[in-house]
Amino acid sequence: MIRKSTAHDMDIMLDIWLNASIQAHDFVEASYWQSQRDNMRNVYLPASENYVYEQDSNVVGFYALYDDCLAALFVAPEHQGCGIGSQLIEHAKRQRELLTLSVYKRNNDSVAFYLKHGFEITSEQTDPNTGQSEYSMKLIRG
């Protein structure tokens, strides 16, 4: 079930974000992600419209929208590959006419995931926080 998040969901969302970020971005030091936890808790997630995927009364994934930007989409590593991410992205696509996002170029699985779900690469730039190349993508409806 996908539902809007509540304040009660914050800690599990942060755990999912941190664990999935470290796993998916092994080309960025884990300490970087750990250093961003407070910003996620106090700035980024509160500023976003957040939805969680609940399975057997447990939150196992979430996404965050900031205006028309898909700012985050994360599934707990032990639940990846089960279609949860696809359900979350399809739900997000119904929330906005236009969706944009940024994804690290070296995160091949996520790049392929977004391409499969109708996004196209619109530009490439360097993330000033990590020095890593990233793609900007937008949803092509059609």
Protein backbone atom coordinates (compact mmCIF):
# COMPACT_ATOMS: atom_id res chain seq x y z
CA MET A 1 0.00 0.00 0.00
CA ILE A 2 1.24 3.49 -0.86
CA ARG A 3 0.21 6.33 1.43
CA LYS A 4 1.33 9.80 2.44
CA SER A 5 4.02 9.67 5.08
CA THR A 6 3.50 10.80 8.65
CA ALA A 7 5.94 12.10 11.24
CA HIS A 8 5.98 8.57 12.66
CA ASP A 9 7.62 7.33 9.42
CA MET A 10 10.63 9.65 9.55
CA ASP A 11 13.16 7.34 11.26
CA ILE A 12 12.47 4.37 8.99
CA MET A 13 12.57 6.62 5.91
CA LEU A 14 15.97 7.90 7.02
CA ASP A 15 17.22 4.34 7.61
CA ILE A 16 16.00 3.24 4.16
CA TRP A 17 17.56 6.31 2.53
CA LEU A 18 20.92 5.82 4.26
CA ASN A 19 21.22 2.07 3.68
CA ALA A 20 20.07 2.24 0.06
CA SER A 21 22.28 5.27 -0.66
CA ILE A 22 25.38 3.56 0.67
CA GLN A 23 24.60 0.41 -1.32
CA ALA A 24 23.70 2.12 -4.61
CA HIS A 25 26.47 4.72 -4.47
CA ASP A 26 29.56 2.72 -3.53
CA PHE A 27 31.58 5.27 -5.53
CA VAL A 28 30.80 7.91 -2.85
CA GLU A 29 32.23 7.54 0.65
CA ALA A 30 29.66 6.22 3.14
CA SER A 31 30.67 9.04 5.49
CA TYR A 32 29.20 11.55 3.01
CA TRP A 33 25.75 9.93 3.25
CA GLN A 34 26.02 9.67 7.04
CA SER A 35 26.89 13.38 7.20
CA GLN A 36 23.67 14.22 5.31
CA ARG A 37 21.27 12.44 7.67
CA ASP A 38 20.41 15.55 9.71
CA ASN A 39 19.81 17.57 6.51
CA MET A 40 17.46 14.85 5.27
CA ARG A 41 15.60 14.85 8.60
CA ASN A 42 15.41 18.60 9.16
CA VAL A 43 15.45 20.15 5.67
CA TYR A 44 14.87 17.93 2.65
CA LEU A 45 12.13 15.54 3.75
CA PRO A 46 10.09 18.17 5.64
CA ALA A 47 10.15 20.40 2.53
CA SER A 48 8.90 17.57 0.31
CA GLU A 49 5.65 15.73 -0.33
CA ASN A 50 6.49 12.20 0.81
CA TYR A 51 4.81 8.87 0.15
CA VAL A 52 5.71 5.52 1.69
CA TYR A 53 5.22 1.94 0.56
CA GLU A 54 3.92 -0.15 3.42
CA GLN A 55 4.05 -3.95 3.38
CA ASP A 56 2.77 -6.02 6.31
CA SER A 57 2.54 -2.82 8.41
CA ASN A 58 6.21 -1.98 7.72
CA VAL A 59 7.50 0.87 5.59
CA VAL A 60 9.92 -0.63 3.04
CA GLY A 61 10.23 2.21 0.53
CA PHE A 62 9.38 5.84 -0.14
CA TYR A 63 9.60 8.68 -2.57
CA ALA A 64 9.77 12.45 -2.13
CA LEU A 65 8.48 15.14 -4.48
CA TYR A 66 9.75 18.70 -4.28
CA ASP A 67 7.64 20.73 -6.70
CA ASP A 68 8.01 18.81 -9.99
CA CYS A 69 11.24 17.10 -8.94
CA LEU A 70 11.37 13.48 -7.87
CA ALA A 71 13.88 14.31 -5.14
CA ALA A 72 14.15 10.77 -3.76
CA LEU A 73 12.99 7.24 -4.45
CA PHE A 74 14.40 4.54 -2.21
CA VAL A 75 13.54 0.95 -1.38
CA ALA A 76 15.12 -0.93 1.52
CA PRO A 77 17.93 -3.06 0.04
CA GLU A 78 16.38 -6.32 1.26
CA HIS A 79 13.15 -5.47 -0.61
CA GLN A 80 14.69 -4.35 -3.90
CA GLY A 81 13.90 -6.28 -7.06
CA CYS A 82 10.32 -7.05 -5.99
CA GLY A 83 8.54 -4.32 -7.98
CA ILE A 84 8.18 -1.85 -5.11
CA GLY A 85 10.23 0.82 -6.88
CA SER A 86 8.10 0.44 -10.00
CA GLN A 87 4.93 0.87 -7.97
CA LEU A 88 6.37 3.96 -6.30
CA ILE A 89 7.45 5.56 -9.59
CA GLU A 90 4.06 4.88 -11.19
CA HIS A 91 2.37 6.48 -8.18
CA ALA A 92 4.69 9.50 -8.43
CA LYS A 93 3.91 9.88 -12.14
CA ARG A 94 0.22 10.25 -11.29
CA GLN A 95 0.98 13.13 -8.90
CA ARG A 96 2.54 15.51 -11.44
CA GLU A 97 2.20 16.50 -15.10
CA LEU A 98 5.97 16.90 -15.33
CA LEU A 99 8.65 15.06 -13.36
CA THR A 100 12.37 15.76 -13.31
CA LEU A 101 15.15 14.11 -11.34
CA SER A 102 18.90 13.82 -10.97
CA VAL A 103 20.73 10.50 -10.79
CA TYR A 104 24.41 9.65 -10.61
CA LYS A 105 25.76 8.51 -13.96
CA ARG A 106 27.61 5.62 -12.30
CA ASN A 107 24.39 4.36 -10.68
CA ASN A 108 23.68 2.17 -13.72
CA ASP A 109 20.75 0.28 -12.17
CA SER A 110 18.88 3.50 -11.33
CA VAL A 111 19.62 5.09 -14.70
CA ALA A 112 18.21 1.97 -16.43
CA PHE A 113 15.21 1.96 -14.05
CA TYR A 114 14.29 5.55 -14.88
CA LEU A 115 14.78 5.04 -18.63
CA LYS A 116 12.51 1.96 -18.44
CA HIS A 117 9.84 4.09 -16.76
CA GLY A 118 9.75 6.74 -19.47
CA PHE A 119 12.37 9.27 -18.39
CA GLU A 120 14.97 10.62 -20.77
CA ILE A 121 18.38 12.12 -20.09
CA THR A 122 18.32 15.88 -20.70
CA SER A 123 21.79 16.92 -19.50
CA GLU A 124 24.88 15.85 -17.63
CA GLN A 125 26.64 17.83 -14.93
CA THR A 126 28.85 17.40 -11.89
CA ASP A 127 27.30 17.21 -8.43
CA PRO A 128 29.17 19.91 -6.50
CA ASN A 129 28.76 18.00 -3.23
CA THR A 130 30.41 14.75 -4.34
CA GLY A 131 32.27 15.64 -7.54
CA GLN A 132 30.41 12.81 -9.32
CA SER A 133 28.84 13.10 -12.76
CA GLU A 134 25.06 13.04 -12.71
CA TYR A 135 22.29 13.08 -15.26
CA SER A 136 19.27 15.33 -15.22
CA MET A 137 16.25 13.43 -16.49
CA LYS A 138 12.66 14.28 -17.25
CA LEU A 139 9.58 12.20 -17.81
CA ILE A 140 8.43 11.91 -21.37
CA ARG A 141 4.70 11.26 -21.43
CA GLY A 142 3.27 9.69 -24.38
